[in-house]
C-alpha atoms as a PDB file:
ATOM      1  CA  MET A   1       2.579-202.321  56.124  1.00  0.00           C
ATOM      2  CA  ALA A   2       1.410-200.648  59.131  1.00  0.00           C
ATOM      3  CA  LEU A   3      -1.361-202.301  60.961  1.00  0.00           C
ATOM      4  CA  ARG A   4      -3.307-200.920  63.858  1.00  0.00           C
ATOM      5  CA  ALA A   5      -6.603-202.143  65.734  1.00  0.00           C
ATOM      6  CA  ASN A   6      -9.198-199.462  65.403  1.00  0.00           C
ATOM      7  CA  LEU A   7     -12.295-201.309  66.819  1.00  0.00           C
ATOM      8  CA  ILE A   8     -13.221-203.904  69.392  1.00  0.00           C
ATOM      9  CA  VAL A   9     -16.806-204.658  69.854  1.00  0.00           C
ATOM     10  CA  ILE A  10     -17.720-206.631  72.949  1.00  0.00           C
ATOM     11  CA  TYR A  11     -21.176-208.587  72.798  1.00  0.00           C
ATOM     12  CA  THR A  12     -22.751-209.157  76.116  1.00  0.00           C
ATOM     13  CA  GLY A  13     -25.986-209.997  77.858  1.00  0.00           C
ATOM     14  CA  ARG A  14     -24.951-207.715  80.784  1.00  0.00           C
ATOM     15  CA  VAL A  15     -24.253-204.413  79.076  1.00  0.00           C
ATOM     16  CA  GLU A  16     -24.669-202.138  82.091  1.00  0.00           C
ATOM     17  CA  GLU A  17     -22.470-204.467  84.458  1.00  0.00           C
ATOM     18  CA  CYS A  18     -19.726-204.441  81.612  1.00  0.00           C
ATOM     19  CA  ARG A  19     -20.102-200.738  81.180  1.00  0.00           C
ATOM     20  CA  ALA A  20     -19.320-200.461  85.068  1.00  0.00           C
ATOM     21  CA  PHE A  21     -16.521-202.852  84.898  1.00  0.00           C
ATOM     22  CA  TYR A  22     -14.652-201.435  81.868  1.00  0.00           C
ATOM     23  CA  GLY A  23     -15.471-197.966  83.020  1.00  0.00           C
ATOM     24  CA  SER A  24     -13.623-198.722  86.365  1.00  0.00           C
ATOM     25  CA  LEU A  25     -10.562-199.348  84.187  1.00  0.00           C
ATOM     26  CA  GLY A  26     -10.752-195.837  82.818  1.00  0.00           C
ATOM     27  CA  LEU A  27     -12.867-196.282  79.592  1.00  0.00           C
ATOM     28  CA  ASP A  28     -15.269-193.532  79.280  1.00  0.00           C
ATOM     29  CA  PHE A  29     -18.422-194.785  77.594  1.00  0.00           C
ATOM     30  CA  ARG A  30     -21.065-192.711  75.798  1.00  0.00           C
ATOM     31  CA  PRO A  31     -24.395-194.132  74.581  1.00  0.00           C
ATOM     32  CA  GLU A  32     -24.830-194.622  70.928  1.00  0.00           C
ATOM     33  CA  GLN A  33     -27.370-195.879  68.363  1.00  0.00           C
ATOM     34  CA  HIS A  34     -26.995-196.061  64.679  1.00  0.00           C
ATOM     35  CA  GLY A  35     -30.480-195.871  62.824  1.00  0.00           C
ATOM     36  CA  ASP A  36     -32.867-198.700  64.082  1.00  0.00           C
ATOM     37  CA  GLY A  37     -29.815-200.573  65.510  1.00  0.00           C
ATOM     38  CA  PRO A  38     -29.561-201.348  69.400  1.00  0.00           C
ATOM     39  CA  ARG A  39     -28.494-198.926  71.912  1.00  0.00           C
ATOM     40  CA  HIS A  40     -25.106-199.430  72.976  1.00  0.00           C
ATOM     41  CA  TYR A  41     -21.974-197.734  74.372  1.00  0.00           C
ATOM     42  CA  ALA A  42     -18.632-196.651  72.742  1.00  0.00           C
ATOM     43  CA  ALA A  43     -15.498-195.317  74.276  1.00  0.00           C
ATOM     44  CA  VAL A  44     -12.542-193.815  72.213  1.00  0.00           C
ATOM     45  CA  LEU A  45      -9.104-194.346  73.389  1.00  0.00           C
ATOM     46  CA  ASP A  46      -6.316-191.593  73.136  1.00  0.00           C
ATOM     47  CA  ASP A  47      -4.871-193.541  70.145  1.00  0.00           C
ATOM     48  CA  GLY A  48      -8.350-193.664  68.283  1.00  0.00           C
ATOM     49  CA  LEU A  49      -9.329-197.304  69.287  1.00  0.00           C
ATOM     50  CA  VAL A  50     -12.905-197.649  69.658  1.00  0.00           C
ATOM     51  CA  VAL A  51     -14.289-200.201  72.331  1.00  0.00           C
ATOM     52  CA  GLU A  52     -17.936-200.820  72.039  1.00  0.00           C
ATOM     53  CA  LEU A  53     -20.415-202.652  74.261  1.00  0.00           C
ATOM     54  CA  TYR A  54     -23.417-204.200  72.365  1.00  0.00           C
ATOM     55  CA  PRO A  55     -26.204-206.262  73.710  1.00  0.00           C
ATOM     56  CA  ALA A  56     -25.961-209.809  72.590  1.00  0.00           C
ATOM     57  CA  ALA A  57     -28.598-211.394  70.593  1.00  0.00           C
ATOM     58  CA  PRO A  58     -30.598-213.903  72.745  1.00  0.00           C
ATOM     59  CA  ASP A  59     -29.920-216.647  70.206  1.00  0.00           C
ATOM     60  CA  ARG A  60     -26.156-216.156  70.004  1.00  0.00           C
ATOM     61  CA  ARG A  61     -23.271-217.053  72.417  1.00  0.00           C
ATOM     62  CA  THR A  62     -20.669-214.352  72.717  1.00  0.00           C
ATOM     63  CA  GLY A  63     -17.782-216.676  72.993  1.00  0.00           C
ATOM     64  CA  ARG A  64     -14.430-216.344  74.754  1.00  0.00           C
ATOM     65  CA  LEU A  65     -12.097-213.534  74.433  1.00  0.00           C
ATOM     66  CA  ARG A  66      -9.034-212.303  76.259  1.00  0.00           C
ATOM     67  CA  LEU A  67      -8.428-208.482  76.490  1.00  0.00           C
ATOM     68  CA  GLY A  68      -5.503-206.473  77.790  1.00  0.00           C
ATOM     69  CA  PHE A  69      -5.422-202.836  78.780  1.00  0.00           C
ATOM     70  CA  GLU A  70      -2.438-200.749  80.180  1.00  0.00           C
ATOM     71  CA  VAL A  71      -3.294-198.045  82.677  1.00  0.00           C
ATOM     72  CA  ASP A  72      -1.506-195.393  84.615  1.00  0.00           C
ATOM     73  CA  GLY A  73      -2.328-196.184  88.188  1.00  0.00           C
ATOM     74  CA  LEU A  74      -5.632-197.760  89.140  1.00  0.00           C
ATOM     75  CA  GLN A  75      -7.491-197.546  92.566  1.00  0.00           C
ATOM     76  CA  GLY A  76      -7.169-200.833  94.440  1.00  0.00           C
ATOM     77  CA  LEU A  77      -4.512-202.302  92.272  1.00  0.00           C
ATOM     78  CA  LYS A  78      -0.693-202.064  92.814  1.00  0.00           C
ATOM     79  CA  ALA A  79       1.783-201.440  89.854  1.00  0.00           C
ATOM     80  CA  GLY A  80       2.142-204.661  87.832  1.00  0.00           C
ATOM     81  CA  SER A  81       0.153-207.205  85.877  1.00  0.00           C
ATOM     82  CA  HIS A  82      -3.245-208.373  87.065  1.00  0.00           C
ATOM     83  CA  VAL A  83      -5.779-210.653  85.415  1.00  0.00           C
ATOM     84  CA  LEU A  84      -9.367-209.575  86.338  1.00  0.00           C
ATOM     85  CA  GLU A  85     -12.584-211.163  85.199  1.00  0.00           C
ATOM     86  CA  ASP A  86     -15.538-208.988  83.604  1.00  0.00           C
ATOM     87  CA  PRO A  87     -19.140-209.719  84.223  1.00  0.00           C
ATOM     88  CA  ASP A  88     -19.303-212.354  81.582  1.00  0.00           C
ATOM     89  CA  GLY A  89     -16.386-214.289  82.642  1.00  0.00           C
ATOM     90  CA  ARG A  90     -13.726-212.840  80.125  1.00  0.00           C
ATOM     91  CA  ALA A  91     -10.238-212.714  81.215  1.00  0.00           C
ATOM     92  CA  VAL A  92      -8.983-209.170  81.170  1.00  0.00           C
ATOM     93  CA  GLU A  93      -5.219-208.573  81.774  1.00  0.00           C
ATOM     94  CA  VAL A  94      -4.599-205.195  83.333  1.00  0.00           C
ATOM     95  CA  LEU A  95      -0.995-203.894  83.454  1.00  0.00           C
ATOM     96  CA  VAL A  96      -0.846-200.981  86.029  1.00  0.00           C
ATOM     97  CA  ARG A  97       1.941-198.702  85.489  1.00  0.00           C
ATOM     98  CA  ASP A  98       3.452-196.922  88.589  1.00  0.00           C
ATOM     99  CA  ALA A  99       1.603-193.489  88.589  1.00  0.00           C
ATOM    100  CA  HIS A 100       4.810-191.823  89.598  1.00  0.00           C
END
């Protein structure tokens, strides 16, 4: 059986701040809205994985989550593994590959 993730939805009370943070890692977010649903952002990675940022409902906690991304070079970070924190305090592991 082959299994592959195809969607990650991050709920946040800080949509614009998270868009800037994850955008700085290379995710290219586009605005979306489905019917009467909330306006949100979606980015599609090269392998087809969709990462979405949705506004969190005021009566819901978003919970803890740890994410990991691998990138080819990233301004301000040397090659290797780094753990960053997004605007909501989630741990985001970033593996920076040497751009050469």
